[in-house]
C-alpha cells in the first residue's frame, strides 16, 4: 500500500495538532553492539545477512502481508489499534527540515545521508518503496504511537538499506535541521534488537526543539528486520519515550509471523508461543 505523507513521527499527532511539539533530539555517538562488531557502522549481523538466504516456500502476497501483521496482544501494555486509514495519515512535521551542511566534516555526503534519514522517516520508507505486497497497522498509547509494516522488496535489495541504516549512528550522530526559521537538534544512536531474521538494524532518533516558546523532545525507536527479500519495520515512540520494549516485542513476534506466512503456515494467535 502506497502512502504519503505518513511520517515516522506520527507518534506525536495529538501533540502536534495542539502545536505543542517541535521536537528535539539528544543522542549519543555510540550504540549497542548487537553482534560484537561495529566497524564502519556495519554490524556482523548485516554482513552475515548478505550471505544467508532464508528458506521461504511462498512469495509474500497481499493476504499474506495482512496475516503477518501484529495485534494488540503481541505488544501488550495499553496499546490500542487504530483504523488503517488513520495510521496511513499520521503526520509529524518535526521530522521535516533542511539539514545544516556546516555540521559535517564531509559536508555534502554526510548531510545527504542525514537528509535521507529525515525524509525517509516522514515517508515511512527507510527500506525504500515496497516493490511487492505490503500492509501496515497502527497502535496508540497515550502520546506514543507504534506503526508496524510488513512488505516485499523482491525487485530491490532491502539489505542495502539496512547496511545504510547501520552507518547512521556514526555519520549522523548529531546534526541540525531548520524549518520555517526553527532549528531542531537531531541525534541518532544504534539500539539493540532481538536476534531474529536474516539481518536487522535498530536506531533511536531524538529530535529536540521549541514550539510556541515551549521546549519539547520527541524520541523514536526505528527497527527493521529482513527475511529474504521481505522485511518488517517498526517505528514507535513519542513524548513519553522511545518505547524500546514494545519495539522489541513487535520485532520478535512480527518476524516469526512473517516467517510462518512465507512457509505457508498460519501465525500463532498466542504471542507466548513465539520464542
C-alpha atoms as a PDB file:
ATOM      1  CA  UNK A   1       0.000   0.000   0.000  1.00  0.00           C
ATOM      2  CA  UNK A   2       1.484   3.286  -1.066  1.00  0.00           C
ATOM      3  CA  UNK A   3       1.015   6.258   1.181  1.00  0.00           C
ATOM      4  CA  UNK A   4       2.385   9.700   1.722  1.00  0.00           C
ATOM      5  CA  UNK A   5       2.659  11.561   3.831  1.00  0.00           C
ATOM      6  CA  UNK A   6       2.810   9.071   6.681  1.00  0.00           C
ATOM      7  CA  UNK A   7       5.707  10.056   8.895  1.00  0.00           C
ATOM      8  CA  UNK A   8       7.569   8.113  11.342  1.00  0.00           C
ATOM      9  CA  UNK A   9       6.938  10.639  13.954  1.00  0.00           C
ATOM     10  CA  UNK A  10       3.231  10.377  13.800  1.00  0.00           C
ATOM     11  CA  UNK A  11       3.906   9.248  17.232  1.00  0.00           C
ATOM     12  CA  UNK A  12       3.007  12.729  18.162  1.00  0.00           C
ATOM     13  CA  UNK A  13      -0.010  13.618  16.135  1.00  0.00           C
ATOM     14  CA  UNK A  14      -2.193  14.726  19.013  1.00  0.00           C
ATOM     15  CA  UNK A  15       0.608  16.844  20.460  1.00  0.00           C
ATOM     16  CA  UNK A  16       1.426  18.278  17.078  1.00  0.00           C
ATOM     17  CA  UNK A  17      -2.183  19.163  16.441  1.00  0.00           C
ATOM     18  CA  UNK A  18      -2.083  21.116  19.649  1.00  0.00           C
ATOM     19  CA  UNK A  19       1.052  22.767  18.385  1.00  0.00           C
ATOM     20  CA  UNK A  20       2.980  21.651  21.457  1.00  0.00           C
ATOM     21  CA  UNK A  21       5.700  19.763  19.785  1.00  0.00           C
ATOM     22  CA  UNK A  22       8.652  20.577  17.870  1.00  0.00           C
ATOM     23  CA  UNK A  23      10.936  18.040  18.982  1.00  0.00           C
ATOM     24  CA  UNK A  24      14.454  17.642  19.960  1.00  0.00           C
ATOM     25  CA  UNK A  25      16.924  15.109  19.970  1.00  0.00           C
ATOM     26  CA  UNK A  26      19.522  14.032  22.323  1.00  0.00           C
ATOM     27  CA  UNK A  27      21.612  11.214  21.137  1.00  0.00           C
ATOM     28  CA  UNK A  28      24.822   9.567  21.964  1.00  0.00           C
ATOM     29  CA  UNK A  29      27.524   8.891  19.465  1.00  0.00           C
ATOM     30  CA  UNK A  30      27.752   5.298  20.500  1.00  0.00           C
ATOM     31  CA  UNK A  31      25.397   2.398  20.129  1.00  0.00           C
ATOM     32  CA  UNK A  32      24.646  -1.083  21.272  1.00  0.00           C
ATOM     33  CA  UNK A  33      26.818  -3.642  19.590  1.00  0.00           C
ATOM     34  CA  UNK A  34      24.332  -6.380  18.961  1.00  0.00           C
ATOM     35  CA  UNK A  35      26.701  -8.769  17.290  1.00  0.00           C
ATOM     36  CA  UNK A  36      30.001  -7.797  18.840  1.00  0.00           C
ATOM     37  CA  UNK A  37      31.082  -5.882  15.755  1.00  0.00           C
ATOM     38  CA  UNK A  38      30.528  -2.304  14.664  1.00  0.00           C
ATOM     39  CA  UNK A  39      33.180  -1.447  12.118  1.00  0.00           C
ATOM     40  CA  UNK A  40      32.275   1.473   9.886  1.00  0.00           C
ATOM     41  CA  UNK A  41      28.776   1.300  11.299  1.00  0.00           C
ATOM     42  CA  UNK A  42      28.038  -2.062   9.657  1.00  0.00           C
ATOM     43  CA  UNK A  43      27.408  -4.928  12.021  1.00  0.00           C
ATOM     44  CA  UNK A  44      28.445  -8.532  11.674  1.00  0.00           C
ATOM     45  CA  UNK A  45      24.785  -9.468  11.575  1.00  0.00           C
ATOM     46  CA  UNK A  46      24.290  -7.467   8.427  1.00  0.00           C
ATOM     47  CA  UNK A  47      27.415  -8.764   6.747  1.00  0.00           C
ATOM     48  CA  UNK A  48      26.279 -12.284   7.505  1.00  0.00           C
ATOM     49  CA  UNK A  49      22.822 -11.354   6.340  1.00  0.00           C
ATOM     50  CA  UNK A  50      24.133 -10.857   2.819  1.00  0.00           C
ATOM     51  CA  UNK A  51      25.445 -14.405   2.797  1.00  0.00           C
ATOM     52  CA  UNK A  52      22.415 -16.048   4.342  1.00  0.00           C
ATOM     53  CA  UNK A  53      19.383 -16.896   2.318  1.00  0.00           C
ATOM     54  CA  UNK A  54      16.100 -17.734   4.005  1.00  0.00           C
ATOM     55  CA  UNK A  55      14.063 -20.733   3.004  1.00  0.00           C
ATOM     56  CA  UNK A  56      10.567 -19.381   2.488  1.00  0.00           C
ATOM     57  CA  UNK A  57       8.343 -21.597   0.384  1.00  0.00           C
ATOM     58  CA  UNK A  58       5.995 -18.888  -0.797  1.00  0.00           C
ATOM     59  CA  UNK A  59       6.020 -15.414  -2.268  1.00  0.00           C
ATOM     60  CA  UNK A  60       4.524 -12.791   0.001  1.00  0.00           C
ATOM     61  CA  UNK A  61       1.003 -11.930  -1.156  1.00  0.00           C
ATOM     62  CA  UNK A  62      -1.301  -9.128  -0.057  1.00  0.00           C
ATOM     63  CA  UNK A  63      -3.261 -11.625   2.067  1.00  0.00           C
ATOM     64  CA  UNK A  64      -0.015 -12.960   3.488  1.00  0.00           C
ATOM     65  CA  UNK A  65       1.177  -9.473   4.381  1.00  0.00           C
ATOM     66  CA  UNK A  66      -2.080  -8.855   6.229  1.00  0.00           C
ATOM     67  CA  UNK A  67      -1.763 -12.189   8.048  1.00  0.00           C
ATOM     68  CA  UNK A  68       1.771 -11.302   9.161  1.00  0.00           C
ATOM     69  CA  UNK A  69       0.688  -8.110  10.940  1.00  0.00           C
ATOM     70  CA  UNK A  70       0.878  -7.983  14.732  1.00  0.00           C
ATOM     71  CA  UNK A  71      -2.025  -7.363  17.113  1.00  0.00           C
ATOM     72  CA  UNK A  72      -2.555  -5.512  20.392  1.00  0.00           C
ATOM     73  CA  UNK A  73      -1.899  -8.752  22.287  1.00  0.00           C
ATOM     74  CA  UNK A  74       1.536  -9.059  20.694  1.00  0.00           C
ATOM     75  CA  UNK A  75       2.834  -5.793  22.156  1.00  0.00           C
ATOM     76  CA  UNK A  76       0.982  -5.862  25.498  1.00  0.00           C
ATOM     77  CA  UNK A  77       0.892  -2.706  27.636  1.00  0.00           C
ATOM     78  CA  UNK A  78      -2.055  -0.414  26.840  1.00  0.00           C
ATOM     79  CA  UNK A  79      -1.702  -0.146  23.072  1.00  0.00           C
ATOM     80  CA  UNK A  80      -4.925   0.324  21.153  1.00  0.00           C
ATOM     81  CA  UNK A  81      -5.173  -0.441  17.444  1.00  0.00           C
ATOM     82  CA  UNK A  82      -6.306   2.466  15.286  1.00  0.00           C
ATOM     83  CA  UNK A  83      -8.082   2.404  11.946  1.00  0.00           C
ATOM     84  CA  UNK A  84      -5.802   1.716   8.991  1.00  0.00           C
ATOM     85  CA  UNK A  85      -6.826   4.983   7.365  1.00  0.00           C
ATOM     86  CA  UNK A  86      -5.745   6.872  10.483  1.00  0.00           C
ATOM     87  CA  UNK A  87      -2.362   5.143  10.648  1.00  0.00           C
ATOM     88  CA  UNK A  88      -1.770   5.814   6.946  1.00  0.00           C
ATOM     89  CA  UNK A  89      -2.164   9.525   7.512  1.00  0.00           C
ATOM     90  CA  UNK A  90      -0.192  10.024  10.692  1.00  0.00           C
ATOM     91  CA  UNK A  91       1.917  13.099  10.106  1.00  0.00           C
ATOM     92  CA  UNK A  92       4.672  14.719  12.108  1.00  0.00           C
ATOM     93  CA  UNK A  93       6.136  17.989  10.981  1.00  0.00           C
ATOM     94  CA  UNK A  94       9.004  17.625  13.445  1.00  0.00           C
ATOM     95  CA  UNK A  95      10.946  15.452  11.022  1.00  0.00           C
ATOM     96  CA  UNK A  96      10.566  17.963   8.214  1.00  0.00           C
ATOM     97  CA  UNK A  97      13.522  20.271   7.725  1.00  0.00           C
ATOM     98  CA  UNK A  98      16.702  21.049   5.848  1.00  0.00           C
ATOM     99  CA  UNK A  99      19.886  19.570   7.252  1.00  0.00           C
ATOM    100  CA  UNK A 100      22.602  22.110   8.068  1.00  0.00           C
ATOM    101  CA  UNK A 101      25.576  21.113   5.905  1.00  0.00           C
ATOM    102  CA  UNK A 102      28.008  23.046   8.128  1.00  0.00           C
ATOM    103  CA  UNK A 103      27.557  20.395  10.843  1.00  0.00           C
ATOM    104  CA  UNK A 104      29.611  17.890   8.848  1.00  0.00           C
ATOM    105  CA  UNK A 105      33.280  17.456   8.029  1.00  0.00           C
ATOM    106  CA  UNK A 106      32.461  15.700   4.772  1.00  0.00           C
ATOM    107  CA  UNK A 107      29.584  18.058   4.268  1.00  0.00           C
ATOM    108  CA  UNK A 108      27.663  17.096   1.177  1.00  0.00           C
ATOM    109  CA  UNK A 109      27.939  13.328   1.526  1.00  0.00           C
ATOM    110  CA  UNK A 110      27.113  13.094   5.227  1.00  0.00           C
ATOM    111  CA  UNK A 111      24.447  15.782   5.062  1.00  0.00           C
ATOM    112  CA  UNK A 112      22.784  13.898   2.214  1.00  0.00           C
ATOM    113  CA  UNK A 113      22.603  10.727   4.328  1.00  0.00           C
ATOM    114  CA  UNK A 114      21.044  12.625   7.232  1.00  0.00           C
ATOM    115  CA  UNK A 115      18.582  14.352   4.928  1.00  0.00           C
ATOM    116  CA  UNK A 116      17.642  10.964   3.509  1.00  0.00           C
ATOM    117  CA  UNK A 117      17.055   9.717   7.040  1.00  0.00           C
ATOM    118  CA  UNK A 118      14.698  12.569   7.880  1.00  0.00           C
ATOM    119  CA  UNK A 119      12.844  12.265   4.580  1.00  0.00           C
ATOM    120  CA  UNK A 120      12.531   8.500   4.984  1.00  0.00           C
ATOM    121  CA  UNK A 121      11.171   8.890   8.488  1.00  0.00           C
ATOM    122  CA  UNK A 122       8.491  11.230   7.204  1.00  0.00           C
ATOM    123  CA  UNK A 123       7.629   8.954   4.286  1.00  0.00           C
ATOM    124  CA  UNK A 124       7.914   5.692   6.259  1.00  0.00           C
ATOM    125  CA  UNK A 125      10.193   4.179   3.639  1.00  0.00           C
ATOM    126  CA  UNK A 126      13.523   3.581   5.371  1.00  0.00           C
ATOM    127  CA  UNK A 127      13.953   0.418   3.286  1.00  0.00           C
ATOM    128  CA  UNK A 128      12.743   2.069   0.116  1.00  0.00           C
ATOM    129  CA  UNK A 129       9.375   1.756  -1.541  1.00  0.00           C
ATOM    130  CA  UNK A 130       7.974  -1.801  -1.391  1.00  0.00           C
ATOM    131  CA  UNK A 131       8.071  -3.474  -4.795  1.00  0.00           C
ATOM    132  CA  UNK A 132       5.504  -6.101  -3.873  1.00  0.00           C
ATOM    133  CA  UNK A 133       2.828  -6.848  -1.311  1.00  0.00           C
ATOM    134  CA  UNK A 134       2.722  -4.650   1.790  1.00  0.00           C
ATOM    135  CA  UNK A 135       0.487  -3.935   4.770  1.00  0.00           C
ATOM    136  CA  UNK A 136       0.575  -1.752   7.877  1.00  0.00           C
ATOM    137  CA  UNK A 137      -1.082  -1.440  11.252  1.00  0.00           C
ATOM    138  CA  UNK A 138      -1.012   1.387  13.767  1.00  0.00           C
ATOM    139  CA  UNK A 139      -1.368   1.475  17.545  1.00  0.00           C
ATOM    140  CA  UNK A 140      -1.677   4.312  20.052  1.00  0.00           C
ATOM    141  CA  UNK A 141      -0.896   4.573  23.767  1.00  0.00           C
ATOM    142  CA  UNK A 142      -1.171   7.988  25.394  1.00  0.00           C
ATOM    143  CA  UNK A 143       1.146  10.346  23.499  1.00  0.00           C
ATOM    144  CA  UNK A 144       3.018   7.441  21.922  1.00  0.00           C
ATOM    145  CA  UNK A 145       2.364   5.650  18.668  1.00  0.00           C
ATOM    146  CA  UNK A 146       3.576   2.498  17.003  1.00  0.00           C
ATOM    147  CA  UNK A 147       3.477   1.837  13.274  1.00  0.00           C
ATOM    148  CA  UNK A 148       4.161  -1.706  12.078  1.00  0.00           C
ATOM    149  CA  UNK A 149       4.719  -2.559   8.426  1.00  0.00           C
ATOM    150  CA  UNK A 150       5.441  -5.759   6.503  1.00  0.00           C
ATOM    151  CA  UNK A 151       6.420  -5.596   2.852  1.00  0.00           C
ATOM    152  CA  UNK A 152       8.073  -7.345  -0.068  1.00  0.00           C
ATOM    153  CA  UNK A 153      11.138  -5.891  -1.773  1.00  0.00           C
ATOM    154  CA  UNK A 154      11.510  -8.606  -4.398  1.00  0.00           C
ATOM    155  CA  UNK A 155      12.760  -6.193  -7.071  1.00  0.00           C
ATOM    156  CA  UNK A 156      15.103  -4.259  -4.796  1.00  0.00           C
ATOM    157  CA  UNK A 157      17.591  -5.186  -2.071  1.00  0.00           C
ATOM    158  CA  UNK A 158      16.450  -4.379   1.472  1.00  0.00           C
ATOM    159  CA  UNK A 159      19.916  -5.320   2.739  1.00  0.00           C
ATOM    160  CA  UNK A 160      21.390  -2.249   1.061  1.00  0.00           C
ATOM    161  CA  UNK A 161      19.043  -0.070   3.123  1.00  0.00           C
ATOM    162  CA  UNK A 162      19.823  -1.990   6.319  1.00  0.00           C
ATOM    163  CA  UNK A 163      23.546  -1.506   5.726  1.00  0.00           C
ATOM    164  CA  UNK A 164      22.942   2.204   5.142  1.00  0.00           C
ATOM    165  CA  UNK A 165      20.962   2.439   8.386  1.00  0.00           C
ATOM    166  CA  UNK A 166      23.911   0.856  10.213  1.00  0.00           C
ATOM    167  CA  UNK A 167      26.183   3.756   9.212  1.00  0.00           C
ATOM    168  CA  UNK A 168      23.884   6.491  10.530  1.00  0.00           C
ATOM    169  CA  UNK A 169      24.874   6.438  14.234  1.00  0.00           C
ATOM    170  CA  UNK A 170      28.364   7.469  13.097  1.00  0.00           C
ATOM    171  CA  UNK A 171      27.530   9.634  10.092  1.00  0.00           C
ATOM    172  CA  UNK A 172      24.516  11.358  11.640  1.00  0.00           C
ATOM    173  CA  UNK A 173      25.312  11.146  15.342  1.00  0.00           C
ATOM    174  CA  UNK A 174      24.199  14.766  15.818  1.00  0.00           C
ATOM    175  CA  UNK A 175      23.063  17.424  13.369  1.00  0.00           C
ATOM    176  CA  UNK A 176      20.717  20.372  12.986  1.00  0.00           C
ATOM    177  CA  UNK A 177      17.666  20.784  10.786  1.00  0.00           C
ATOM    178  CA  UNK A 178      15.863  24.036  10.077  1.00  0.00           C
ATOM    179  CA  UNK A 179      12.232  24.523   9.063  1.00  0.00           C
ATOM    180  CA  UNK A 180      10.444  27.871   8.877  1.00  0.00           C
ATOM    181  CA  UNK A 181      13.246  29.517  10.825  1.00  0.00           C
ATOM    182  CA  UNK A 182      13.022  26.983  13.670  1.00  0.00           C
ATOM    183  CA  UNK A 183      16.097  24.920  14.492  1.00  0.00           C
ATOM    184  CA  UNK A 184      15.966  21.391  15.860  1.00  0.00           C
ATOM    185  CA  UNK A 185      18.755  19.204  17.120  1.00  0.00           C
ATOM    186  CA  UNK A 186      18.677  15.604  15.947  1.00  0.00           C
ATOM    187  CA  UNK A 187      20.692  12.776  17.449  1.00  0.00           C
ATOM    188  CA  UNK A 188      20.942   9.186  16.262  1.00  0.00           C
ATOM    189  CA  UNK A 189      22.250   6.138  18.112  1.00  0.00           C
ATOM    190  CA  UNK A 190      22.196   2.419  17.443  1.00  0.00           C
ATOM    191  CA  UNK A 191      19.866   0.294  19.540  1.00  0.00           C
ATOM    192  CA  UNK A 192      19.800  -3.465  20.081  1.00  0.00           C
ATOM    193  CA  UNK A 193      17.142  -5.782  18.676  1.00  0.00           C
ATOM    194  CA  UNK A 194      16.281  -9.451  19.206  1.00  0.00           C
ATOM    195  CA  UNK A 195      18.479 -11.654  17.006  1.00  0.00           C
ATOM    196  CA  UNK A 196      15.791 -12.679  14.556  1.00  0.00           C
ATOM    197  CA  UNK A 197      15.521 -12.773  10.778  1.00  0.00           C
ATOM    198  CA  UNK A 198      18.439 -12.752   8.330  1.00  0.00           C
ATOM    199  CA  UNK A 199      19.601  -9.234   9.245  1.00  0.00           C
ATOM    200  CA  UNK A 200      18.337  -6.408  11.407  1.00  0.00           C
ATOM    201  CA  UNK A 201      19.039  -2.812  12.389  1.00  0.00           C
ATOM    202  CA  UNK A 202      17.708  -0.605  15.154  1.00  0.00           C
ATOM    203  CA  UNK A 203      18.044   3.158  15.629  1.00  0.00           C
ATOM    204  CA  UNK A 204      16.946   5.642  18.252  1.00  0.00           C
ATOM    205  CA  UNK A 205      16.270   9.085  16.835  1.00  0.00           C
ATOM    206  CA  UNK A 206      15.746  12.044  19.143  1.00  0.00           C
ATOM    207  CA  UNK A 207      14.564  15.447  17.974  1.00  0.00           C
ATOM    208  CA  UNK A 208      14.685  18.431  20.312  1.00  0.00           C
ATOM    209  CA  UNK A 209      13.499  21.971  19.763  1.00  0.00           C
ATOM    210  CA  UNK A 210      10.944  24.566  20.777  1.00  0.00           C
ATOM    211  CA  UNK A 211       7.461  25.388  19.607  1.00  0.00           C
ATOM    212  CA  UNK A 212       5.251  28.149  20.881  1.00  0.00           C
ATOM    213  CA  UNK A 213       8.050  29.100  23.255  1.00  0.00           C
ATOM    214  CA  UNK A 214       7.985  25.675  24.942  1.00  0.00           C
ATOM    215  CA  UNK A 215      10.716  23.048  24.738  1.00  0.00           C
ATOM    216  CA  UNK A 216       9.768  19.552  23.619  1.00  0.00           C
ATOM    217  CA  UNK A 217      11.535  16.278  22.892  1.00  0.00           C
ATOM    218  CA  UNK A 218      10.451  13.510  20.546  1.00  0.00           C
ATOM    219  CA  UNK A 219      12.147  10.131  20.907  1.00  0.00           C
ATOM    220  CA  UNK A 220      11.613   7.341  18.410  1.00  0.00           C
ATOM    221  CA  UNK A 221      12.801   3.769  18.047  1.00  0.00           C
ATOM    222  CA  UNK A 222      13.055   2.610  14.453  1.00  0.00           C
ATOM    223  CA  UNK A 223      13.638  -1.079  13.731  1.00  0.00           C
ATOM    224  CA  UNK A 224      13.881  -3.113  10.536  1.00  0.00           C
ATOM    225  CA  UNK A 225      14.319  -6.872  10.060  1.00  0.00           C
ATOM    226  CA  UNK A 226      14.944  -8.640   6.760  1.00  0.00           C
ATOM    227  CA  UNK A 227      13.674 -12.120   5.931  1.00  0.00           C
ATOM    228  CA  UNK A 228      14.920 -12.877   2.444  1.00  0.00           C
ATOM    229  CA  UNK A 229      13.593 -10.132   0.168  1.00  0.00           C
ATOM    230  CA  UNK A 230      10.793  -9.289   2.598  1.00  0.00           C
ATOM    231  CA  UNK A 231      11.042  -7.166   5.717  1.00  0.00           C
ATOM    232  CA  UNK A 232       9.214  -5.741   8.682  1.00  0.00           C
ATOM    233  CA  UNK A 233       9.694  -2.211  10.001  1.00  0.00           C
ATOM    234  CA  UNK A 234       8.610  -0.716  13.310  1.00  0.00           C
ATOM    235  CA  UNK A 235       8.528   2.954  14.264  1.00  0.00           C
ATOM    236  CA  UNK A 236       7.427   3.755  17.789  1.00  0.00           C
ATOM    237  CA  UNK A 237       7.816   6.396  20.465  1.00  0.00           C
ATOM    238  CA  UNK A 238       6.668   9.888  21.313  1.00  0.00           C
ATOM    239  CA  UNK A 239       6.852  12.489  24.046  1.00  0.00           C
ATOM    240  CA  UNK A 240       6.793   9.796  26.720  1.00  0.00           C
ATOM    241  CA  UNK A 241       9.885   7.982  25.433  1.00  0.00           C
ATOM    242  CA  UNK A 242      11.097   5.590  22.775  1.00  0.00           C
ATOM    243  CA  UNK A 243       9.000   2.509  23.702  1.00  0.00           C
ATOM    244  CA  UNK A 244      12.003   0.201  23.221  1.00  0.00           C
ATOM    245  CA  UNK A 245      10.322  -2.781  24.918  1.00  0.00           C
ATOM    246  CA  UNK A 246       7.302  -2.587  22.623  1.00  0.00           C
ATOM    247  CA  UNK A 247       9.573  -2.305  19.600  1.00  0.00           C
ATOM    248  CA  UNK A 248      11.440  -5.445  20.625  1.00  0.00           C
ATOM    249  CA  UNK A 249       8.199  -7.363  21.125  1.00  0.00           C
ATOM    250  CA  UNK A 250       6.899  -6.244  17.738  1.00  0.00           C
ATOM    251  CA  UNK A 251      10.162  -7.287  16.085  1.00  0.00           C
ATOM    252  CA  UNK A 252      10.295 -10.703  17.734  1.00  0.00           C
ATOM    253  CA  UNK A 253       6.699 -11.694  17.092  1.00  0.00           C
ATOM    254  CA  UNK A 254       6.381  -9.912  13.764  1.00  0.00           C
ATOM    255  CA  UNK A 255       9.424 -11.663  12.324  1.00  0.00           C
ATOM    256  CA  UNK A 256       8.047 -15.054  13.312  1.00  0.00           C
ATOM    257  CA  UNK A 257       4.678 -14.152  11.788  1.00  0.00           C
ATOM    258  CA  UNK A 258       6.378 -13.295   8.503  1.00  0.00           C
ATOM    259  CA  UNK A 259       8.434 -16.495   8.510  1.00  0.00           C
ATOM    260  CA  UNK A 260       5.306 -18.541   9.182  1.00  0.00           C
ATOM    261  CA  UNK A 261       3.424 -16.905   6.316  1.00  0.00           C
ATOM    262  CA  UNK A 262       6.311 -17.469   3.902  1.00  0.00           C
ATOM    263  CA  UNK A 263       6.408 -21.119   4.955  1.00  0.00           C
ATOM    264  CA  UNK A 264       2.706 -21.485   4.217  1.00  0.00           C
ATOM    265  CA  UNK A 265       1.728 -21.578   7.886  1.00  0.00           C
ATOM    266  CA  UNK A 266      -0.778 -19.569   9.892  1.00  0.00           C
ATOM    267  CA  UNK A 267       0.881 -17.334  12.520  1.00  0.00           C
ATOM    268  CA  UNK A 268       0.138 -18.341  16.108  1.00  0.00           C
ATOM    269  CA  UNK A 269      -2.508 -16.161  17.769  1.00  0.00           C
ATOM    270  CA  UNK A 270      -0.728 -16.659  21.115  1.00  0.00           C
ATOM    271  CA  UNK A 271       2.389 -14.481  21.444  1.00  0.00           C
ATOM    272  CA  UNK A 272       3.628 -16.630  24.333  1.00  0.00           C
ATOM    273  CA  UNK A 273       4.235 -19.447  21.845  1.00  0.00           C
ATOM    274  CA  UNK A 274       6.775 -17.390  19.946  1.00  0.00           C
ATOM    275  CA  UNK A 275      10.320 -17.962  21.170  1.00  0.00           C
END
